[in-house]
Amino acid sequence: MVIPQSIRKELGVKPKNKFLVYGKGDTIILKKLELPDLKKEWDNIFKMMDKKELSISEKEIQEKGH
């Protein structure tokens, strides 16, 4: 399937973007997936922890992970 360049530009579609595809009858709808940047999310969490002078040790992470 080819998405016209003008639409790709307008929607900011890049080659590796993922889409949900819906189909009904003779209609196809593509929904661009917006996945969160997990590294950015974790960086923000750790920044908030630093501001509140909270910390978590590697040992605590390992214990909670099991």
PDB file of N, CA and C in Angstrom:
ATOM      1  N   MET A   1       0.849  -1.162   0.000  1.00  0.00           N
ATOM      2  CA  MET A   1       0.000   0.000   0.000  1.00  0.00           C
ATOM      3  C   MET A   1       0.902   1.235   0.000  1.00  0.00           C
ATOM      4  N   VAL A   2       0.577   2.188  -0.800  1.00  0.00           N
ATOM      5  CA  VAL A   2       1.355   3.419  -0.903  1.00  0.00           C
ATOM      6  C   VAL A   2       0.529   4.571  -0.334  1.00  0.00           C
ATOM      7  N   ILE A   3       1.147   5.310   0.571  1.00  0.00           N
ATOM      8  CA  ILE A   3       0.505   6.509   1.130  1.00  0.00           C
ATOM      9  C   ILE A   3       1.129   7.701   0.406  1.00  0.00           C
ATOM     10  N   PRO A   4       0.305   8.551  -0.214  1.00  0.00           N
ATOM     11  CA  PRO A   4       0.842   9.693  -0.957  1.00  0.00           C
ATOM     12  C   PRO A   4       1.759  10.567  -0.092  1.00  0.00           C
ATOM     13  N   GLN A   5       2.798  11.093  -0.731  1.00  0.00           N
ATOM     14  CA  GLN A   5       3.795  11.900  -0.033  1.00  0.00           C
ATOM     15  C   GLN A   5       3.175  13.081   0.707  1.00  0.00           C
ATOM     16  N   SER A   6       2.214  13.753   0.108  1.00  0.00           N
ATOM     17  CA  SER A   6       1.601  14.927   0.751  1.00  0.00           C
ATOM     18  C   SER A   6       0.933  14.534   2.072  1.00  0.00           C
ATOM     19  N   ILE A   7       0.303  13.375   2.106  1.00  0.00           N
ATOM     20  CA  ILE A   7      -0.344  12.905   3.338  1.00  0.00           C
ATOM     21  C   ILE A   7       0.715  12.485   4.355  1.00  0.00           C
ATOM     22  N   ARG A   8       1.777  11.801   3.903  1.00  0.00           N
ATOM     23  CA  ARG A   8       2.863  11.408   4.814  1.00  0.00           C
ATOM     24  C   ARG A   8       3.474  12.627   5.472  1.00  0.00           C
ATOM     25  N   LYS A   9       3.710  13.677   4.676  1.00  0.00           N
ATOM     26  CA  LYS A   9       4.290  14.918   5.221  1.00  0.00           C
ATOM     27  C   LYS A   9       3.354  15.560   6.235  1.00  0.00           C
ATOM     28  N   GLU A  10       2.084  15.683   5.862  1.00  0.00           N
ATOM     29  CA  GLU A  10       1.097  16.329   6.728  1.00  0.00           C
ATOM     30  C   GLU A  10       0.971  15.607   8.072  1.00  0.00           C
ATOM     31  N   LEU A  11       1.026  14.268   8.054  1.00  0.00           N
ATOM     32  CA  LEU A  11       0.838  13.478   9.271  1.00  0.00           C
ATOM     33  C   LEU A  11       2.156  13.103   9.950  1.00  0.00           C
ATOM     34  N   GLY A  12       3.283  13.467   9.340  1.00  0.00           N
ATOM     35  CA  GLY A  12       4.571  13.138   9.930  1.00  0.00           C
ATOM     36  C   GLY A  12       4.866  11.646   9.922  1.00  0.00           C
ATOM     37  N   VAL A  13       4.420  10.950   8.879  1.00  0.00           N
ATOM     38  CA  VAL A  13       4.609   9.506   8.775  1.00  0.00           C
ATOM     39  C   VAL A  13       6.034   9.211   8.308  1.00  0.00           C
ATOM     40  N   LYS A  14       6.714   8.344   9.051  1.00  0.00           N
ATOM     41  CA  LYS A  14       8.082   7.931   8.736  1.00  0.00           C
ATOM     42  C   LYS A  14       8.076   6.471   8.300  1.00  0.00           C
ATOM     43  N   PRO A  15       9.139   6.008   7.619  1.00  0.00           N
ATOM     44  CA  PRO A  15       9.162   4.641   7.090  1.00  0.00           C
ATOM     45  C   PRO A  15       8.877   3.527   8.101  1.00  0.00           C
ATOM     46  N   LYS A  16       9.304   3.656   9.333  1.00  0.00           N
ATOM     47  CA  LYS A  16       9.124   2.558  10.294  1.00  0.00           C
ATOM     48  C   LYS A  16       7.914   2.740  11.214  1.00  0.00           C
ATOM     49  N   ASN A  17       7.055   3.728  10.943  1.00  0.00           N
ATOM     50  CA  ASN A  17       5.855   3.918  11.753  1.00  0.00           C
ATOM     51  C   ASN A  17       4.952   2.697  11.669  1.00  0.00           C
ATOM     52  N   LYS A  18       4.248   2.433  12.763  1.00  0.00           N
ATOM     53  CA  LYS A  18       3.307   1.313  12.838  1.00  0.00           C
ATOM     54  C   LYS A  18       1.890   1.864  12.783  1.00  0.00           C
ATOM     55  N   PHE A  19       0.976   1.048  12.237  1.00  0.00           N
ATOM     56  CA  PHE A  19      -0.418   1.452  12.100  1.00  0.00           C
ATOM     57  C   PHE A  19      -1.345   0.340  12.567  1.00  0.00           C
ATOM     58  N   LEU A  20      -2.469   0.736  13.126  1.00  0.00           N
ATOM     59  CA  LEU A  20      -3.581  -0.182  13.329  1.00  0.00           C
ATOM     60  C   LEU A  20      -4.407  -0.113  12.052  1.00  0.00           C
ATOM     61  N   VAL A  21      -4.895  -1.240  11.604  1.00  0.00           N
ATOM     62  CA  VAL A  21      -5.677  -1.271  10.368  1.00  0.00           C
ATOM     63  C   VAL A  21      -7.077  -1.775  10.686  1.00  0.00           C
ATOM     64  N   TYR A  22      -8.074  -0.978  10.330  1.00  0.00           N
ATOM     65  CA  TYR A  22      -9.471  -1.343  10.507  1.00  0.00           C
ATOM     66  C   TYR A  22     -10.085  -1.536   9.129  1.00  0.00           C
ATOM     67  N   GLY A  23     -10.894  -2.535   8.977  1.00  0.00           N
ATOM     68  CA  GLY A  23     -11.557  -2.736   7.704  1.00  0.00           C
ATOM     69  C   GLY A  23     -13.005  -3.135   7.885  1.00  0.00           C
ATOM     70  N   LYS A  24     -13.859  -2.573   7.054  1.00  0.00           N
ATOM     71  CA  LYS A  24     -15.288  -2.928   7.063  1.00  0.00           C
ATOM     72  C   LYS A  24     -15.835  -2.671   5.663  1.00  0.00           C
ATOM     73  N   GLY A  25     -16.421  -3.702   5.108  1.00  0.00           N
ATOM     74  CA  GLY A  25     -16.953  -3.555   3.756  1.00  0.00           C
ATOM     75  C   GLY A  25     -15.839  -3.201   2.793  1.00  0.00           C
ATOM     76  N   ASP A  26     -16.013  -2.101   2.083  1.00  0.00           N
ATOM     77  CA  ASP A  26     -14.988  -1.681   1.125  1.00  0.00           C
ATOM     78  C   ASP A  26     -14.133  -0.526   1.656  1.00  0.00           C
ATOM     79  N   THR A  27     -14.096  -0.379   2.986  1.00  0.00           N
ATOM     80  CA  THR A  27     -13.374   0.740   3.604  1.00  0.00           C
ATOM     81  C   THR A  27     -12.218   0.235   4.462  1.00  0.00           C
ATOM     82  N   ILE A  28     -11.066   0.874   4.317  1.00  0.00           N
ATOM     83  CA  ILE A  28      -9.896   0.591   5.157  1.00  0.00           C
ATOM     84  C   ILE A  28      -9.522   1.889   5.871  1.00  0.00           C
ATOM     85  N   ILE A  29      -9.314   1.796   7.181  1.00  0.00           N
ATOM     86  CA  ILE A  29      -8.890   2.952   7.971  1.00  0.00           C
ATOM     87  C   ILE A  29      -7.558   2.598   8.625  1.00  0.00           C
ATOM     88  N   LEU A  30      -6.573   3.480   8.454  1.00  0.00           N
ATOM     89  CA  LEU A  30      -5.267   3.319   9.100  1.00  0.00           C
ATOM     90  C   LEU A  30      -5.171   4.306  10.251  1.00  0.00           C
ATOM     91  N   LYS A  31      -4.734   3.836  11.417  1.00  0.00           N
ATOM     92  CA  LYS A  31      -4.535   4.695  12.587  1.00  0.00           C
ATOM     93  C   LYS A  31      -3.075   4.599  12.985  1.00  0.00           C
ATOM     94  N   LYS A  32      -2.353   5.715  12.906  1.00  0.00           N
ATOM     95  CA  LYS A  32      -0.940   5.736  13.257  1.00  0.00           C
ATOM     96  C   LYS A  32      -0.787   5.499  14.758  1.00  0.00           C
ATOM     97  N   LEU A  33       0.079   4.554  15.113  1.00  0.00           N
ATOM     98  CA  LEU A  33       0.333   4.269  16.518  1.00  0.00           C
ATOM     99  C   LEU A  33       1.357   5.255  17.059  1.00  0.00           C
ATOM    100  N   GLU A  34       1.056   5.825  18.177  1.00  0.00           N
ATOM    101  CA  GLU A  34       1.976   6.737  18.861  1.00  0.00           C
ATOM    102  C   GLU A  34       2.459   6.026  20.119  1.00  0.00           C
ATOM    103  N   LEU A  35       3.645   5.452  20.050  1.00  0.00           N
ATOM    104  CA  LEU A  35       4.194   4.742  21.192  1.00  0.00           C
ATOM    105  C   LEU A  35       5.028   5.697  22.029  1.00  0.00           C
ATOM    106  N   PRO A  36       4.922   5.601  23.347  1.00  0.00           N
ATOM    107  CA  PRO A  36       5.694   6.510  24.197  1.00  0.00           C
ATOM    108  C   PRO A  36       7.192   6.217  24.118  1.00  0.00           C
ATOM    109  N   ASP A  37       7.988   7.247  24.318  1.00  0.00           N
ATOM    110  CA  ASP A  37       9.434   7.103  24.393  1.00  0.00           C
ATOM    111  C   ASP A  37       9.764   6.650  25.815  1.00  0.00           C
ATOM    112  N   LEU A  38      10.014   5.352  25.992  1.00  0.00           N
ATOM    113  CA  LEU A  38      10.202   4.801  27.328  1.00  0.00           C
ATOM    114  C   LEU A  38      11.429   5.365  28.031  1.00  0.00           C
ATOM    115  N   LYS A  39      12.490   5.626  27.300  1.00  0.00           N
ATOM    116  CA  LYS A  39      13.675   6.200  27.936  1.00  0.00           C
ATOM    117  C   LYS A  39      13.342   7.574  28.518  1.00  0.00           C
ATOM    118  N   LYS A  40      12.616   8.360  27.748  1.00  0.00           N
ATOM    119  CA  LYS A  40      12.218   9.690  28.218  1.00  0.00           C
ATOM    120  C   LYS A  40      11.314   9.586  29.451  1.00  0.00           C
ATOM    121  N   GLU A  41      10.391   8.617  29.433  1.00  0.00           N
ATOM    122  CA  GLU A  41       9.496   8.404  30.568  1.00  0.00           C
ATOM    123  C   GLU A  41      10.289   8.085  31.833  1.00  0.00           C
ATOM    124  N   TRP A  42      11.255   7.153  31.728  1.00  0.00           N
ATOM    125  CA  TRP A  42      12.065   6.776  32.890  1.00  0.00           C
ATOM    126  C   TRP A  42      12.936   7.936  33.343  1.00  0.00           C
ATOM    127  N   ASP A  43      13.513   8.683  32.409  1.00  0.00           N
ATOM    128  CA  ASP A  43      14.314   9.853  32.781  1.00  0.00           C
ATOM    129  C   ASP A  43      13.486  10.833  33.596  1.00  0.00           C
ATOM    130  N   ASN A  44      12.233  11.061  33.191  1.00  0.00           N
ATOM    131  CA  ASN A  44      11.347  11.962  33.931  1.00  0.00           C
ATOM    132  C   ASN A  44      11.047  11.435  35.332  1.00  0.00           C
ATOM    133  N   ILE A  45      10.835  10.134  35.444  1.00  0.00           N
ATOM    134  CA  ILE A  45      10.567   9.533  36.755  1.00  0.00           C
ATOM    135  C   ILE A  45      11.764   9.742  37.680  1.00  0.00           C
ATOM    136  N   PHE A  46      12.981   9.463  37.165  1.00  0.00           N
ATOM    137  CA  PHE A  46      14.170   9.615  37.996  1.00  0.00           C
ATOM    138  C   PHE A  46      14.431  11.075  38.355  1.00  0.00           C
ATOM    139  N   LYS A  47      14.109  12.003  37.457  1.00  0.00           N
ATOM    140  CA  LYS A  47      14.252  13.427  37.776  1.00  0.00           C
ATOM    141  C   LYS A  47      13.326  13.811  38.916  1.00  0.00           C
ATOM    142  N   MET A  48      12.082  13.320  38.883  1.00  0.00           N
ATOM    143  CA  MET A  48      11.137  13.609  39.972  1.00  0.00           C
ATOM    144  C   MET A  48      11.637  13.017  41.284  1.00  0.00           C
ATOM    145  N   MET A  49      12.196  11.811  41.219  1.00  0.00           N
ATOM    146  CA  MET A  49      12.724  11.176  42.427  1.00  0.00           C
ATOM    147  C   MET A  49      13.877  11.997  42.997  1.00  0.00           C
ATOM    148  N   ASP A  50      14.750  12.492  42.106  1.00  0.00           N
ATOM    149  CA  ASP A  50      15.881  13.314  42.559  1.00  0.00           C
ATOM    150  C   ASP A  50      15.395  14.579  43.250  1.00  0.00           C
ATOM    151  N   LYS A  51      14.372  15.223  42.685  1.00  0.00           N
ATOM    152  CA  LYS A  51      13.833  16.447  43.279  1.00  0.00           C
ATOM    153  C   LYS A  51      13.289  16.186  44.677  1.00  0.00           C
ATOM    154  N   LYS A  52      12.716  15.019  44.872  1.00  0.00           N
ATOM    155  CA  LYS A  52      12.130  14.669  46.170  1.00  0.00           C
ATOM    156  C   LYS A  52      13.123  13.911  47.049  1.00  0.00           C
ATOM    157  N   GLU A  53      14.365  13.825  46.563  1.00  0.00           N
ATOM    158  CA  GLU A  53      15.437  13.121  47.265  1.00  0.00           C
ATOM    159  C   GLU A  53      15.045  11.681  47.595  1.00  0.00           C
ATOM    160  N   LEU A  54      14.388  11.033  46.643  1.00  0.00           N
ATOM    161  CA  LEU A  54      14.029   9.625  46.774  1.00  0.00           C
ATOM    162  C   LEU A  54      15.069   8.808  46.021  1.00  0.00           C
ATOM    163  N   SER A  55      15.272   7.597  46.451  1.00  0.00           N
ATOM    164  CA  SER A  55      16.187   6.725  45.726  1.00  0.00           C
ATOM    165  C   SER A  55      15.725   5.287  45.836  1.00  0.00           C
ATOM    166  N   ILE A  56      16.210   4.490  44.918  1.00  0.00           N
ATOM    167  CA  ILE A  56      15.918   3.059  44.924  1.00  0.00           C
ATOM    168  C   ILE A  56      17.218   2.353  44.533  1.00  0.00           C
ATOM    169  N   SER A  57      17.567   1.341  45.296  1.00  0.00           N
ATOM    170  CA  SER A  57      18.826   0.645  45.039  1.00  0.00           C
ATOM    171  C   SER A  57      18.639  -0.442  43.986  1.00  0.00           C
ATOM    172  N   GLU A  58      19.755  -0.866  43.425  1.00  0.00           N
ATOM    173  CA  GLU A  58      19.727  -1.964  42.456  1.00  0.00           C
ATOM    174  C   GLU A  58      19.141  -3.214  43.107  1.00  0.00           C
ATOM    175  N   LYS A  59      19.479  -3.445  44.370  1.00  0.00           N
ATOM    176  CA  LYS A  59      18.970  -4.609  45.109  1.00  0.00           C
ATOM    177  C   LYS A  59      17.438  -4.556  45.210  1.00  0.00           C
ATOM    178  N   GLU A  60      16.890  -3.352  45.512  1.00  0.00           N
ATOM    179  CA  GLU A  60      15.435  -3.203  45.606  1.00  0.00           C
ATOM    180  C   GLU A  60      14.765  -3.463  44.263  1.00  0.00           C
ATOM    181  N   ILE A  61      15.403  -3.020  43.208  1.00  0.00           N
ATOM    182  CA  ILE A  61      14.855  -3.242  41.861  1.00  0.00           C
ATOM    183  C   ILE A  61      14.812  -4.747  41.580  1.00  0.00           C
ATOM    184  N   GLN A  62      15.901  -5.427  41.898  1.00  0.00           N
ATOM    185  CA  GLN A  62      15.959  -6.879  41.671  1.00  0.00           C
ATOM    186  C   GLN A  62      14.915  -7.608  42.504  1.00  0.00           C
ATOM    187  N   GLU A  63      14.748  -7.208  43.762  1.00  0.00           N
ATOM    188  CA  GLU A  63      13.773  -7.863  44.639  1.00  0.00           C
ATOM    189  C   GLU A  63      12.346  -7.664  44.137  1.00  0.00           C
ATOM    190  N   LYS A  64      12.047  -6.472  43.677  1.00  0.00           N
ATOM    191  CA  LYS A  64      10.690  -6.174  43.187  1.00  0.00           C
ATOM    192  C   LYS A  64      10.419  -6.839  41.847  1.00  0.00           C
ATOM    193  N   GLY A  65      11.475  -7.108  41.094  1.00  0.00           N
ATOM    194  CA  GLY A  65      11.331  -7.702  39.774  1.00  0.00           C
ATOM    195  C   GLY A  65      11.028  -9.186  39.787  1.00  0.00           C
ATOM    196  N   HIS A  66      11.171  -9.834  40.942  1.00  0.00           N
ATOM    197  CA  HIS A  66      10.971 -11.295  41.021  1.00  0.00           C
ATOM    198  C   HIS A  66       9.671 -11.669  41.659  1.00  0.00           C
TER     199      HIS A  66
END
